[in-house]
Amino acid sequence: MHSGRPTACTDPELADQETTPGIGVHCVLSDVFHPEALCRAAEIEHARRQLMIDRDAFVELMSGVCAPVTVITATGADRRPHGSTVSSFASLSLDPPLVSFALDRASGLLNHLQPGDRVGVNILGAHQRALASAFARRSQEGSKFDGVAWTRRAGLPHLPESAGWTAGLVQRHVDGGDHILLVVCVEEAETTPVPPLTYARRVFGTHTPLAVAS
């Protein structure tokens, strides 16, 4: 499953100063490092480290964010199915209809989801947590689809009895640190009455409406 990794948060004023000519680790004056510039660069780096959030605190914070559980699928050039569990799926735009999700830079699925490629999103139901675990495992011998009931829909691997389905075209990749954010233009969408599978505090669950106060 997906888990976030912290990134540095830089004060805008520090960022502006860092990009000012004459300030920075590699600033050179007449091909000689300027001592004052190097000192200032060290101060900026120290301030950056002071502002960086603790990694464990960030991971713990994000573990409490309830996320949908999906299996992103693609068809390879050899027509073989590919898929991976993703919990970063989100709506991005209504006009035009866009969704997004993130993949680890090391994910093999990225090879099959370049801009212009078609992608399927199976929004898992509460009864499909076994599928979520199966598609979350790292690549190994065999296919993640071995022993799994699936069909092809619009040329893409589809998991029946899911809570929802959408398919579309990968529009672009956006740099996201150790992940790549994929922006997808939606071409097809279907919902079902199946309760959705969710993930929070490192456990699977589902949505339950709150009781209405009398």
N, C-alpha and C. Protein backbone atom coordinates (compact mmCIF):
# COMPACT_ATOMS: atom_id res chain seq x y z
N MET A 1 0.83 -1.19 0.00
CA MET A 1 0.00 0.00 0.00
C MET A 1 0.87 1.24 0.00
N HIS A 2 0.17 2.17 -0.37
CA HIS A 2 0.92 3.38 -0.44
C HIS A 2 1.13 3.98 0.94
N SER A 3 2.41 4.55 1.23
CA SER A 3 2.66 5.33 2.42
C SER A 3 3.52 6.50 2.01
N GLY A 4 3.23 7.72 2.54
CA GLY A 4 3.93 8.91 2.11
C GLY A 4 5.32 9.00 2.69
N ARG A 5 6.17 9.81 2.06
CA ARG A 5 7.49 10.09 2.57
C ARG A 5 7.65 11.59 2.66
N PRO A 6 8.23 12.14 3.73
CA PRO A 6 8.28 13.57 3.94
C PRO A 6 9.14 14.29 2.94
N THR A 7 8.80 15.53 2.67
CA THR A 7 9.61 16.37 1.81
C THR A 7 9.94 17.64 2.57
N ALA A 8 11.01 18.30 2.16
CA ALA A 8 11.42 19.51 2.84
C ALA A 8 10.45 20.64 2.56
N CYS A 9 10.13 21.42 3.60
CA CYS A 9 9.26 22.58 3.45
C CYS A 9 10.15 23.81 3.61
N THR A 10 10.32 24.59 2.58
CA THR A 10 11.26 25.69 2.59
C THR A 10 10.54 27.03 2.71
N ASP A 11 10.99 27.87 3.63
CA ASP A 11 10.45 29.20 3.78
C ASP A 11 10.66 29.96 2.48
N PRO A 12 9.62 30.63 1.93
CA PRO A 12 9.76 31.34 0.65
C PRO A 12 10.89 32.35 0.65
N GLU A 13 11.08 33.04 1.82
CA GLU A 13 12.15 34.03 1.86
C GLU A 13 13.51 33.37 1.72
N LEU A 14 13.67 32.21 2.39
CA LEU A 14 14.92 31.50 2.27
C LEU A 14 15.13 31.02 0.86
N ALA A 15 14.04 30.55 0.24
CA ALA A 15 14.13 30.05 -1.13
C ALA A 15 14.57 31.15 -2.08
N ASP A 16 14.00 32.37 -1.89
CA ASP A 16 14.36 33.49 -2.74
C ASP A 16 15.84 33.83 -2.58
N GLN A 17 16.28 33.83 -1.32
CA GLN A 17 17.68 34.17 -1.07
C GLN A 17 18.60 33.12 -1.68
N GLU A 18 18.16 31.86 -1.61
CA GLU A 18 19.01 30.79 -2.09
C GLU A 18 19.23 30.87 -3.59
N THR A 19 18.27 31.44 -4.30
CA THR A 19 18.41 31.52 -5.75
C THR A 19 19.00 32.84 -6.21
N THR A 20 19.35 33.71 -5.25
CA THR A 20 19.96 34.98 -5.60
C THR A 20 21.39 34.77 -6.08
N PRO A 21 21.77 35.36 -7.21
CA PRO A 21 23.13 35.20 -7.70
C PRO A 21 24.15 35.56 -6.63
N GLY A 22 25.17 34.73 -6.47
CA GLY A 22 26.20 34.99 -5.48
C GLY A 22 26.00 34.23 -4.21
N ILE A 23 24.85 33.49 -4.07
CA ILE A 23 24.59 32.74 -2.86
C ILE A 23 24.30 31.30 -3.24
N GLY A 24 25.00 30.35 -2.63
CA GLY A 24 24.75 28.94 -2.91
C GLY A 24 26.04 28.15 -2.87
N VAL A 25 25.88 26.84 -2.76
CA VAL A 25 27.05 25.99 -2.61
C VAL A 25 27.98 26.11 -3.80
N HIS A 26 27.40 26.29 -4.99
CA HIS A 26 28.23 26.31 -6.20
C HIS A 26 28.43 27.72 -6.76
N CYS A 27 28.21 28.74 -5.91
CA CYS A 27 28.41 30.10 -6.41
C CYS A 27 29.91 30.36 -6.56
N VAL A 28 30.27 30.92 -7.69
CA VAL A 28 31.69 31.16 -7.96
C VAL A 28 31.88 32.61 -8.38
N LEU A 29 32.87 33.25 -7.81
CA LEU A 29 33.23 34.60 -8.18
C LEU A 29 34.63 34.57 -8.76
N SER A 30 34.75 34.84 -10.04
CA SER A 30 36.03 34.77 -10.74
C SER A 30 36.64 33.38 -10.58
N ASP A 31 35.75 32.36 -10.71
CA ASP A 31 36.18 30.96 -10.62
C ASP A 31 36.74 30.58 -9.26
N VAL A 32 36.45 31.37 -8.21
CA VAL A 32 36.91 31.07 -6.86
C VAL A 32 35.69 31.07 -5.94
N PHE A 33 35.51 30.05 -5.06
CA PHE A 33 34.39 30.02 -4.13
C PHE A 33 34.49 31.21 -3.20
N HIS A 34 33.38 31.93 -3.03
CA HIS A 34 33.34 33.09 -2.17
C HIS A 34 33.05 32.62 -0.74
N PRO A 35 33.93 32.86 0.22
CA PRO A 35 33.75 32.38 1.60
C PRO A 35 32.42 32.81 2.22
N GLU A 36 32.02 34.06 2.02
CA GLU A 36 30.78 34.54 2.61
C GLU A 36 29.57 33.83 2.00
N ALA A 37 29.65 33.56 0.69
CA ALA A 37 28.56 32.85 0.02
C ALA A 37 28.44 31.44 0.56
N LEU A 38 29.57 30.77 0.76
CA LEU A 38 29.54 29.42 1.30
C LEU A 38 28.99 29.40 2.71
N CYS A 39 29.33 30.40 3.50
CA CYS A 39 28.81 30.49 4.86
C CYS A 39 27.29 30.67 4.84
N ARG A 40 26.81 31.54 3.95
CA ARG A 40 25.37 31.79 3.84
C ARG A 40 24.64 30.53 3.36
N ALA A 41 25.27 29.79 2.44
CA ALA A 41 24.67 28.56 1.94
C ALA A 41 24.51 27.55 3.06
N ALA A 42 25.51 27.48 3.95
CA ALA A 42 25.45 26.57 5.09
C ALA A 42 24.31 26.96 6.03
N GLU A 43 24.11 28.26 6.22
CA GLU A 43 23.02 28.74 7.07
C GLU A 43 21.66 28.36 6.48
N ILE A 44 21.55 28.50 5.17
CA ILE A 44 20.30 28.16 4.50
C ILE A 44 20.00 26.67 4.64
N GLU A 45 21.03 25.84 4.45
CA GLU A 45 20.84 24.39 4.58
C GLU A 45 20.44 24.02 6.00
N HIS A 46 21.04 24.69 6.99
CA HIS A 46 20.69 24.43 8.39
C HIS A 46 19.22 24.79 8.64
N ALA A 47 18.79 25.94 8.11
CA ALA A 47 17.40 26.36 8.28
C ALA A 47 16.46 25.38 7.61
N ARG A 48 16.85 24.85 6.43
CA ARG A 48 16.03 23.89 5.72
C ARG A 48 15.82 22.63 6.56
N ARG A 49 16.91 22.15 7.16
CA ARG A 49 16.83 20.94 7.99
C ARG A 49 15.96 21.18 9.22
N GLN A 50 16.01 22.38 9.78
CA GLN A 50 15.19 22.70 10.95
C GLN A 50 13.70 22.67 10.60
N LEU A 51 13.37 23.04 9.35
CA LEU A 51 11.98 23.12 8.95
C LEU A 51 11.44 21.77 8.47
N MET A 52 12.31 20.79 8.23
CA MET A 52 11.86 19.50 7.71
C MET A 52 11.11 18.72 8.78
N ILE A 53 9.93 18.23 8.43
CA ILE A 53 9.11 17.48 9.36
C ILE A 53 9.72 16.13 9.65
N ASP A 54 9.54 15.64 10.87
CA ASP A 54 10.02 14.32 11.24
C ASP A 54 9.32 13.26 10.40
N ARG A 55 10.10 12.33 9.82
CA ARG A 55 9.54 11.32 8.91
C ARG A 55 8.50 10.45 9.59
N ASP A 56 8.79 9.97 10.79
CA ASP A 56 7.86 9.09 11.49
C ASP A 56 6.56 9.81 11.82
N ALA A 57 6.67 11.10 12.18
CA ALA A 57 5.47 11.88 12.50
C ALA A 57 4.60 12.04 11.26
N PHE A 58 5.25 12.24 10.10
CA PHE A 58 4.50 12.41 8.86
C PHE A 58 3.80 11.11 8.47
N VAL A 59 4.52 9.99 8.57
CA VAL A 59 3.93 8.69 8.24
C VAL A 59 2.74 8.40 9.15
N GLU A 60 2.89 8.70 10.44
CA GLU A 60 1.80 8.45 11.39
C GLU A 60 0.60 9.33 11.08
N LEU A 61 0.85 10.58 10.73
CA LEU A 61 -0.24 11.48 10.36
C LEU A 61 -1.01 10.93 9.18
N MET A 62 -0.30 10.54 8.11
CA MET A 62 -0.96 10.09 6.90
C MET A 62 -1.65 8.74 7.07
N SER A 63 -1.19 7.94 8.04
CA SER A 63 -1.84 6.65 8.27
C SER A 63 -3.27 6.84 8.78
N GLY A 64 -3.54 8.02 9.35
CA GLY A 64 -4.88 8.29 9.86
C GLY A 64 -5.83 8.86 8.82
N VAL A 65 -5.34 9.09 7.61
CA VAL A 65 -6.19 9.61 6.54
C VAL A 65 -6.88 8.44 5.85
N CYS A 66 -8.21 8.41 5.95
CA CYS A 66 -8.96 7.31 5.35
C CYS A 66 -8.87 7.41 3.82
N ALA A 67 -8.47 6.30 3.19
CA ALA A 67 -8.24 6.31 1.75
C ALA A 67 -9.03 5.21 1.06
N PRO A 68 -9.44 5.45 -0.18
CA PRO A 68 -10.09 4.39 -0.95
C PRO A 68 -9.04 3.35 -1.35
N VAL A 69 -9.47 2.14 -1.61
CA VAL A 69 -8.55 1.09 -2.03
C VAL A 69 -8.93 0.70 -3.45
N THR A 70 -7.98 0.82 -4.35
CA THR A 70 -8.22 0.51 -5.76
C THR A 70 -7.15 -0.44 -6.28
N VAL A 71 -7.47 -1.10 -7.38
CA VAL A 71 -6.47 -1.86 -8.12
C VAL A 71 -6.39 -1.22 -9.50
N ILE A 72 -5.24 -0.61 -9.76
CA ILE A 72 -4.99 0.04 -11.04
C ILE A 72 -4.51 -1.03 -12.02
N THR A 73 -5.10 -1.06 -13.21
CA THR A 73 -4.73 -2.10 -14.17
C THR A 73 -4.34 -1.52 -15.53
N ALA A 74 -3.54 -2.32 -16.24
CA ALA A 74 -3.10 -1.94 -17.58
C ALA A 74 -2.85 -3.22 -18.37
N THR A 75 -2.83 -3.05 -19.67
CA THR A 75 -2.53 -4.18 -20.57
C THR A 75 -1.19 -3.91 -21.25
N GLY A 76 -0.28 -4.87 -21.15
CA GLY A 76 1.04 -4.70 -21.75
C GLY A 76 1.00 -4.87 -23.26
N ALA A 77 2.11 -4.55 -23.88
CA ALA A 77 2.20 -4.68 -25.34
C ALA A 77 2.02 -6.13 -25.78
N ASP A 78 2.31 -7.06 -24.86
CA ASP A 78 2.14 -8.49 -25.16
C ASP A 78 0.75 -8.99 -24.77
N ARG A 79 -0.13 -8.04 -24.43
CA ARG A 79 -1.52 -8.33 -24.04
C ARG A 79 -1.63 -8.96 -22.66
N ARG A 80 -0.56 -9.04 -21.91
CA ARG A 80 -0.63 -9.58 -20.56
C ARG A 80 -1.20 -8.53 -19.61
N PRO A 81 -1.97 -8.96 -18.57
CA PRO A 81 -2.53 -8.02 -17.62
C PRO A 81 -1.51 -7.61 -16.56
N HIS A 82 -1.60 -6.37 -16.13
CA HIS A 82 -0.74 -5.85 -15.07
C HIS A 82 -1.61 -5.06 -14.10
N GLY A 83 -1.25 -5.11 -12.82
CA GLY A 83 -2.06 -4.37 -11.85
C GLY A 83 -1.35 -4.18 -10.53
N SER A 84 -1.81 -3.19 -9.77
CA SER A 84 -1.23 -2.91 -8.46
C SER A 84 -2.25 -2.20 -7.58
N THR A 85 -2.20 -2.50 -6.28
CA THR A 85 -3.08 -1.84 -5.32
C THR A 85 -2.60 -0.41 -5.09
N VAL A 86 -3.53 0.52 -5.13
CA VAL A 86 -3.20 1.94 -4.96
C VAL A 86 -4.26 2.59 -4.06
N SER A 87 -3.82 3.37 -3.08
CA SER A 87 -4.75 4.03 -2.17
C SER A 87 -4.72 5.55 -2.30
N SER A 88 -4.12 6.04 -3.39
CA SER A 88 -4.03 7.49 -3.59
C SER A 88 -4.99 7.99 -4.67
N PHE A 89 -5.94 7.17 -5.08
CA PHE A 89 -6.88 7.54 -6.13
C PHE A 89 -7.77 8.69 -5.67
N ALA A 90 -7.95 9.69 -6.53
CA ALA A 90 -8.76 10.87 -6.15
C ALA A 90 -9.33 11.55 -7.37
N SER A 91 -10.45 12.22 -7.16
CA SER A 91 -11.05 13.06 -8.19
C SER A 91 -10.21 14.32 -8.32
N LEU A 92 -10.02 14.78 -9.54
CA LEU A 92 -9.19 15.96 -9.77
C LEU A 92 -9.96 17.10 -10.42
N SER A 93 -10.82 16.79 -11.40
CA SER A 93 -11.54 17.83 -12.12
C SER A 93 -12.86 17.28 -12.65
N LEU A 94 -13.88 18.15 -12.67
CA LEU A 94 -15.17 17.76 -13.23
C LEU A 94 -15.25 18.11 -14.71
N ASP A 95 -14.65 19.24 -15.10
CA ASP A 95 -14.71 19.68 -16.49
C ASP A 95 -13.33 20.19 -16.92
N PRO A 96 -12.57 19.36 -17.59
CA PRO A 96 -12.88 18.00 -18.07
C PRO A 96 -12.81 16.99 -16.93
N PRO A 97 -13.42 15.82 -17.11
CA PRO A 97 -13.37 14.81 -16.05
C PRO A 97 -11.98 14.20 -15.91
N LEU A 98 -11.31 14.51 -14.80
CA LEU A 98 -9.96 14.02 -14.55
C LEU A 98 -9.87 13.37 -13.18
N VAL A 99 -9.10 12.31 -13.10
CA VAL A 99 -8.77 11.68 -11.82
C VAL A 99 -7.26 11.57 -11.74
N SER A 100 -6.77 11.24 -10.54
CA SER A 100 -5.33 11.09 -10.38
C SER A 100 -5.02 9.99 -9.38
N PHE A 101 -3.82 9.47 -9.47
CA PHE A 101 -3.30 8.54 -8.49
C PHE A 101 -1.79 8.56 -8.60
N ALA A 102 -1.12 8.03 -7.58
CA ALA A 102 0.34 8.06 -7.56
C ALA A 102 0.91 6.66 -7.53
N LEU A 103 2.04 6.48 -8.21
CA LEU A 103 2.77 5.22 -8.21
C LEU A 103 4.20 5.47 -7.78
N ASP A 104 4.73 4.54 -7.02
CA ASP A 104 6.13 4.60 -6.64
C ASP A 104 6.98 4.61 -7.91
N ARG A 105 8.08 5.36 -7.89
CA ARG A 105 8.94 5.44 -9.07
C ARG A 105 9.49 4.07 -9.47
N ALA A 106 9.57 3.16 -8.48
CA ALA A 106 10.10 1.83 -8.77
C ALA A 106 9.03 0.86 -9.24
N SER A 107 7.78 1.29 -9.32
CA SER A 107 6.69 0.41 -9.73
C SER A 107 6.83 -0.03 -11.18
N GLY A 108 6.75 -1.34 -11.40
CA GLY A 108 6.81 -1.86 -12.76
C GLY A 108 5.61 -1.46 -13.58
N LEU A 109 4.51 -1.10 -12.90
CA LEU A 109 3.29 -0.72 -13.61
C LEU A 109 3.48 0.56 -14.41
N LEU A 110 4.42 1.41 -13.98
CA LEU A 110 4.67 2.67 -14.69
C LEU A 110 5.09 2.44 -16.14
N ASN A 111 5.76 1.34 -16.38
CA ASN A 111 6.21 1.04 -17.75
C ASN A 111 5.04 0.89 -18.71
N HIS A 112 3.87 0.52 -18.18
CA HIS A 112 2.69 0.29 -19.01
C HIS A 112 1.69 1.44 -18.95
N LEU A 113 2.05 2.50 -18.22
CA LEU A 113 1.13 3.63 -18.06
C LEU A 113 1.83 4.94 -18.39
N GLN A 114 2.35 5.02 -19.57
CA GLN A 114 2.96 6.24 -20.05
C GLN A 114 1.87 7.16 -20.63
N PRO A 115 2.13 8.46 -20.74
CA PRO A 115 1.14 9.35 -21.35
C PRO A 115 0.66 8.81 -22.69
N GLY A 116 -0.67 8.74 -22.84
CA GLY A 116 -1.26 8.20 -24.05
C GLY A 116 -1.74 6.78 -23.88
N ASP A 117 -1.28 6.08 -22.82
CA ASP A 117 -1.74 4.71 -22.55
C ASP A 117 -3.09 4.72 -21.84
N ARG A 118 -3.83 3.63 -21.99
CA ARG A 118 -5.12 3.49 -21.32
C ARG A 118 -4.94 2.79 -19.98
N VAL A 119 -5.77 3.17 -19.00
CA VAL A 119 -5.65 2.64 -17.64
C VAL A 119 -7.03 2.35 -17.07
N GLY A 120 -7.12 1.28 -16.29
CA GLY A 120 -8.37 0.93 -15.63
C GLY A 120 -8.22 1.11 -14.12
N VAL A 121 -9.30 1.52 -13.47
CA VAL A 121 -9.30 1.68 -12.01
C VAL A 121 -10.46 0.87 -11.43
N ASN A 122 -10.13 -0.19 -10.71
CA ASN A 122 -11.12 -1.01 -10.03
C ASN A 122 -11.23 -0.51 -8.59
N ILE A 123 -12.34 0.11 -8.25
CA ILE A 123 -12.55 0.60 -6.88
C ILE A 123 -13.10 -0.57 -6.08
N LEU A 124 -12.28 -1.11 -5.19
CA LEU A 124 -12.62 -2.35 -4.52
C LEU A 124 -13.78 -2.21 -3.53
N GLY A 125 -14.52 -3.32 -3.39
CA GLY A 125 -15.60 -3.38 -2.42
C GLY A 125 -15.10 -3.92 -1.10
N ALA A 126 -15.91 -3.76 -0.05
CA ALA A 126 -15.50 -4.16 1.30
C ALA A 126 -15.19 -5.65 1.39
N HIS A 127 -15.73 -6.45 0.49
CA HIS A 127 -15.50 -7.90 0.52
C HIS A 127 -14.24 -8.31 -0.26
N GLN A 128 -13.50 -7.35 -0.78
CA GLN A 128 -12.37 -7.67 -1.65
C GLN A 128 -11.00 -7.35 -1.04
N ARG A 129 -10.90 -7.38 0.27
CA ARG A 129 -9.61 -7.03 0.88
C ARG A 129 -8.53 -8.04 0.54
N ALA A 130 -8.92 -9.30 0.28
CA ALA A 130 -7.92 -10.29 -0.13
C ALA A 130 -7.28 -9.88 -1.46
N LEU A 131 -8.08 -9.32 -2.36
CA LEU A 131 -7.54 -8.83 -3.63
C LEU A 131 -6.59 -7.66 -3.40
N ALA A 132 -6.95 -6.78 -2.47
CA ALA A 132 -6.10 -5.63 -2.16
C ALA A 132 -4.73 -6.11 -1.70
N SER A 133 -4.70 -7.11 -0.85
CA SER A 133 -3.43 -7.64 -0.34
C SER A 133 -2.65 -8.34 -1.46
N ALA A 134 -3.36 -9.09 -2.30
CA ALA A 134 -2.70 -9.83 -3.38
C ALA A 134 -2.02 -8.89 -4.37
N PHE A 135 -2.69 -7.80 -4.72
CA PHE A 135 -2.13 -6.88 -5.72
C PHE A 135 -1.15 -5.89 -5.11
N ALA A 136 -1.04 -5.90 -3.77
CA ALA A 136 -0.11 -4.99 -3.11
C ALA A 136 1.28 -5.60 -2.98
N ARG A 137 1.39 -6.91 -3.21
CA ARG A 137 2.68 -7.57 -3.02
C ARG A 137 3.66 -7.15 -4.13
N ARG A 138 4.93 -7.24 -3.77
CA ARG A 138 5.99 -6.92 -4.72
C ARG A 138 6.02 -7.95 -5.84
N SER A 139 6.57 -7.55 -6.96
CA SER A 139 6.65 -8.45 -8.11
C SER A 139 7.43 -9.72 -7.74
N GLN A 140 6.97 -10.83 -8.22
CA GLN A 140 7.63 -12.10 -8.01
C GLN A 140 7.30 -13.00 -9.19
N GLU A 141 7.72 -14.26 -9.11
CA GLU A 141 7.44 -15.16 -10.22
C GLU A 141 5.93 -15.33 -10.38
N GLY A 142 5.49 -15.41 -11.63
CA GLY A 142 4.06 -15.52 -11.89
C GLY A 142 3.41 -14.17 -11.98
N SER A 143 2.10 -14.18 -12.16
CA SER A 143 1.34 -12.95 -12.30
C SER A 143 0.43 -12.74 -11.10
N LYS A 144 0.22 -11.48 -10.76
CA LYS A 144 -0.71 -11.19 -9.67
C LYS A 144 -2.13 -11.63 -10.02
N PHE A 145 -2.37 -11.86 -11.28
CA PHE A 145 -3.70 -12.26 -11.73
C PHE A 145 -3.91 -13.78 -11.65
N ASP A 146 -2.85 -14.52 -11.31
CA ASP A 146 -2.98 -15.97 -11.19
C ASP A 146 -3.98 -16.32 -10.09
N GLY A 147 -5.00 -17.11 -10.42
CA GLY A 147 -6.00 -17.51 -9.44
C GLY A 147 -7.05 -16.47 -9.15
N VAL A 148 -7.02 -15.35 -9.88
CA VAL A 148 -7.97 -14.25 -9.66
C VAL A 148 -9.00 -14.24 -10.78
N ALA A 149 -10.27 -14.08 -10.42
CA ALA A 149 -11.33 -13.96 -11.43
C ALA A 149 -11.29 -12.55 -12.01
N TRP A 150 -11.05 -12.47 -13.32
CA TRP A 150 -11.02 -11.16 -13.96
C TRP A 150 -11.47 -11.29 -15.40
N THR A 151 -11.86 -10.16 -15.96
CA THR A 151 -12.29 -10.13 -17.35
C THR A 151 -11.60 -8.95 -18.02
N ARG A 152 -11.80 -8.83 -19.32
CA ARG A 152 -11.31 -7.64 -20.03
C ARG A 152 -12.50 -6.72 -20.28
N ARG A 153 -12.30 -5.48 -20.00
CA ARG A 153 -13.34 -4.48 -20.24
C ARG A 153 -12.69 -3.30 -20.95
N ALA A 154 -13.19 -2.99 -22.12
CA ALA A 154 -12.58 -1.93 -22.94
C ALA A 154 -11.09 -2.20 -23.13
N GLY A 155 -10.73 -3.49 -23.20
CA GLY A 155 -9.34 -3.86 -23.43
C GLY A 155 -8.46 -3.84 -22.20
N LEU A 156 -9.07 -3.59 -21.03
CA LEU A 156 -8.31 -3.48 -19.78
C LEU A 156 -8.74 -4.54 -18.78
N PRO A 157 -7.83 -4.98 -17.89
CA PRO A 157 -8.19 -5.95 -16.86
C PRO A 157 -9.23 -5.36 -15.89
N HIS A 158 -10.32 -6.09 -15.72
CA HIS A 158 -11.43 -5.63 -14.87
C HIS A 158 -11.73 -6.69 -13.81
N LEU A 159 -11.90 -6.26 -12.57
CA LEU A 159 -12.22 -7.16 -11.46
C LEU A 159 -13.71 -7.08 -11.18
N PRO A 160 -14.47 -8.12 -11.49
CA PRO A 160 -15.92 -8.10 -11.30
C PRO A 160 -16.29 -7.93 -9.82
N GLU A 161 -17.50 -7.44 -9.60
CA GLU A 161 -18.06 -7.27 -8.26
C GLU A 161 -17.37 -6.19 -7.44
N SER A 162 -16.64 -5.32 -8.11
CA SER A 162 -16.02 -4.19 -7.41
C SER A 162 -17.08 -3.13 -7.11
N ALA A 163 -16.72 -2.18 -6.27
CA ALA A 163 -17.66 -1.11 -5.91
C ALA A 163 -17.79 -0.08 -7.02
N GLY A 164 -16.79 -0.01 -7.88
CA GLY A 164 -16.84 0.95 -8.98
C GLY A 164 -15.75 0.69 -9.99
N TRP A 165 -15.91 1.30 -11.15
CA TRP A 165 -14.95 1.11 -12.24
C TRP A 165 -14.85 2.38 -13.04
N THR A 166 -13.63 2.72 -13.41
CA THR A 166 -13.44 3.82 -14.34
C THR A 166 -12.23 3.51 -15.21
N ALA A 167 -12.26 4.02 -16.41
CA ALA A 167 -11.15 3.81 -17.34
C ALA A 167 -10.91 5.09 -18.11
N GLY A 168 -9.70 5.27 -18.55
CA GLY A 168 -9.39 6.49 -19.30
C GLY A 168 -8.00 6.48 -19.86
N LEU A 169 -7.57 7.65 -20.26
CA LEU A 169 -6.29 7.84 -20.93
C LEU A 169 -5.34 8.60 -20.00
N VAL A 170 -4.13 8.05 -19.83
CA VAL A 170 -3.13 8.77 -19.04
C VAL A 170 -2.77 10.05 -19.79
N GLN A 171 -3.05 11.18 -19.17
CA GLN A 171 -2.81 12.47 -19.83
C GLN A 171 -1.38 12.95 -19.64
N ARG A 172 -0.90 12.84 -18.41
CA ARG A 172 0.48 13.27 -18.15
C ARG A 172 0.97 12.72 -16.82
N HIS A 173 2.29 12.78 -16.64
CA HIS A 173 2.96 12.44 -15.39
C HIS A 173 3.38 13.74 -14.71
N VAL A 174 3.28 13.76 -13.38
CA VAL A 174 3.72 14.92 -12.60
C VAL A 174 4.68 14.43 -11.53
N ASP A 175 5.83 15.09 -11.44
CA ASP A 175 6.83 14.70 -10.45
C ASP A 175 6.27 14.88 -9.05
N GLY A 176 6.40 13.84 -8.22
CA GLY A 176 5.91 13.90 -6.84
C GLY A 176 6.91 13.30 -5.88
N GLY A 177 8.15 13.73 -5.91
CA GLY A 177 9.15 13.21 -5.00
C GLY A 177 9.49 11.77 -5.33
N ASP A 178 9.27 10.85 -4.36
CA ASP A 178 9.58 9.45 -4.63
C ASP A 178 8.45 8.74 -5.35
N HIS A 179 7.39 9.48 -5.70
CA HIS A 179 6.27 8.94 -6.48
C HIS A 179 6.06 9.77 -7.75
N ILE A 180 5.32 9.19 -8.68
CA ILE A 180 4.89 9.90 -9.88
C ILE A 180 3.38 10.00 -9.84
N LEU A 181 2.84 11.21 -9.98
CA LEU A 181 1.40 11.41 -10.02
C LEU A 181 0.93 11.29 -11.46
N LEU A 182 -0.05 10.44 -11.69
CA LEU A 182 -0.60 10.25 -13.03
C LEU A 182 -1.95 10.93 -13.12
N VAL A 183 -2.10 11.79 -14.11
CA VAL A 183 -3.37 12.47 -14.36
C VAL A 183 -4.07 11.74 -15.50
N VAL A 184 -5.32 11.35 -15.25
CA VAL A 184 -6.05 10.52 -16.20
C VAL A 184 -7.34 11.21 -16.65
N CYS A 185 -7.55 11.24 -17.96
CA CYS A 185 -8.80 11.77 -18.53
C CYS A 185 -9.79 10.61 -18.59
N VAL A 186 -10.91 10.75 -17.87
CA VAL A 186 -11.88 9.67 -17.72
C VAL A 186 -12.72 9.51 -18.99
N GLU A 187 -12.83 8.26 -19.44
CA GLU A 187 -13.64 7.95 -20.62
C GLU A 187 -14.83 7.06 -20.29
N GLU A 188 -14.78 6.41 -19.13
CA GLU A 188 -15.82 5.44 -18.77
C GLU A 188 -15.94 5.40 -17.25
N ALA A 189 -17.15 5.31 -16.72
CA ALA A 189 -17.35 5.25 -15.27
C ALA A 189 -18.61 4.48 -14.93
N GLU A 190 -18.53 3.68 -13.88
CA GLU A 190 -19.69 2.91 -13.43
C GLU A 190 -19.64 2.75 -11.92
N THR A 191 -20.77 2.91 -11.26
CA THR A 191 -20.86 2.69 -9.83
C THR A 191 -21.79 1.52 -9.54
N THR A 192 -21.65 0.93 -8.37
CA THR A 192 -22.52 -0.17 -7.94
C THR A 192 -22.90 0.09 -6.48
N PRO A 193 -23.89 -0.63 -5.95
CA PRO A 193 -24.28 -0.45 -4.55
C PRO A 193 -23.35 -1.14 -3.56
N VAL A 194 -22.28 -1.77 -4.06
CA VAL A 194 -21.36 -2.49 -3.17
C VAL A 194 -20.64 -1.50 -2.25
N PRO A 195 -20.60 -1.74 -0.93
CA PRO A 195 -19.88 -0.85 -0.01
C PRO A 195 -18.39 -0.81 -0.36
N PRO A 196 -17.77 0.35 -0.31
CA PRO A 196 -16.36 0.46 -0.71
C PRO A 196 -15.41 -0.05 0.37
N LEU A 197 -14.24 -0.49 -0.08
CA LEU A 197 -13.16 -0.86 0.83
C LEU A 197 -12.32 0.38 1.11
N THR A 198 -12.00 0.61 2.37
CA THR A 198 -11.17 1.76 2.75
C THR A 198 -9.97 1.28 3.56
N TYR A 199 -9.01 2.19 3.74
CA TYR A 199 -7.80 1.85 4.49
C TYR A 199 -7.41 3.03 5.37
N ALA A 200 -7.29 2.78 6.68
CA ALA A 200 -6.88 3.83 7.62
C ALA A 200 -6.30 3.17 8.86
N ARG A 201 -5.32 3.84 9.47
CA ARG A 201 -4.65 3.29 10.65
C ARG A 201 -4.11 1.88 10.40
N ARG A 202 -3.70 1.66 9.15
CA ARG A 202 -3.08 0.39 8.74
C ARG A 202 -4.03 -0.80 8.79
N VAL A 203 -5.31 -0.57 8.74
CA VAL A 203 -6.29 -1.66 8.69
C VAL A 203 -7.35 -1.34 7.63
N PHE A 204 -7.96 -2.39 7.08
CA PHE A 204 -9.03 -2.23 6.13
C PHE A 204 -10.34 -1.97 6.86
N GLY A 205 -11.24 -1.25 6.19
CA GLY A 205 -12.55 -0.99 6.76
C GLY A 205 -13.51 -0.64 5.64
N THR A 206 -14.61 0.00 6.00
CA THR A 206 -15.56 0.49 5.00
C THR A 206 -16.26 1.70 5.57
N HIS A 207 -17.01 2.38 4.75
CA HIS A 207 -17.70 3.58 5.18
C HIS A 207 -18.97 3.23 5.93
N THR A 208 -19.19 3.87 7.08
CA THR A 208 -20.41 3.70 7.86
C THR A 208 -20.98 5.06 8.18
N PRO A 209 -22.21 5.36 7.75
CA PRO A 209 -22.81 6.67 8.04
C PRO A 209 -22.94 6.90 9.54
N LEU A 210 -22.73 8.14 9.95
CA LEU A 210 -22.93 8.50 11.35
C LEU A 210 -24.42 8.57 11.66
N ALA A 211 -24.76 8.25 12.87
CA ALA A 211 -26.15 8.34 13.30
C ALA A 211 -26.59 9.80 13.30
N VAL A 212 -27.78 10.05 12.84
CA VAL A 212 -28.30 11.41 12.81
C VAL A 212 -28.77 11.81 14.20
N ALA A 213 -28.27 12.94 14.66
CA ALA A 213 -28.64 13.39 16.01
C ALA A 213 -30.12 13.75 16.04
N SER A 214 -30.79 13.34 17.11
CA SER A 214 -32.23 13.62 17.21
C SER A 214 -32.45 15.00 17.81
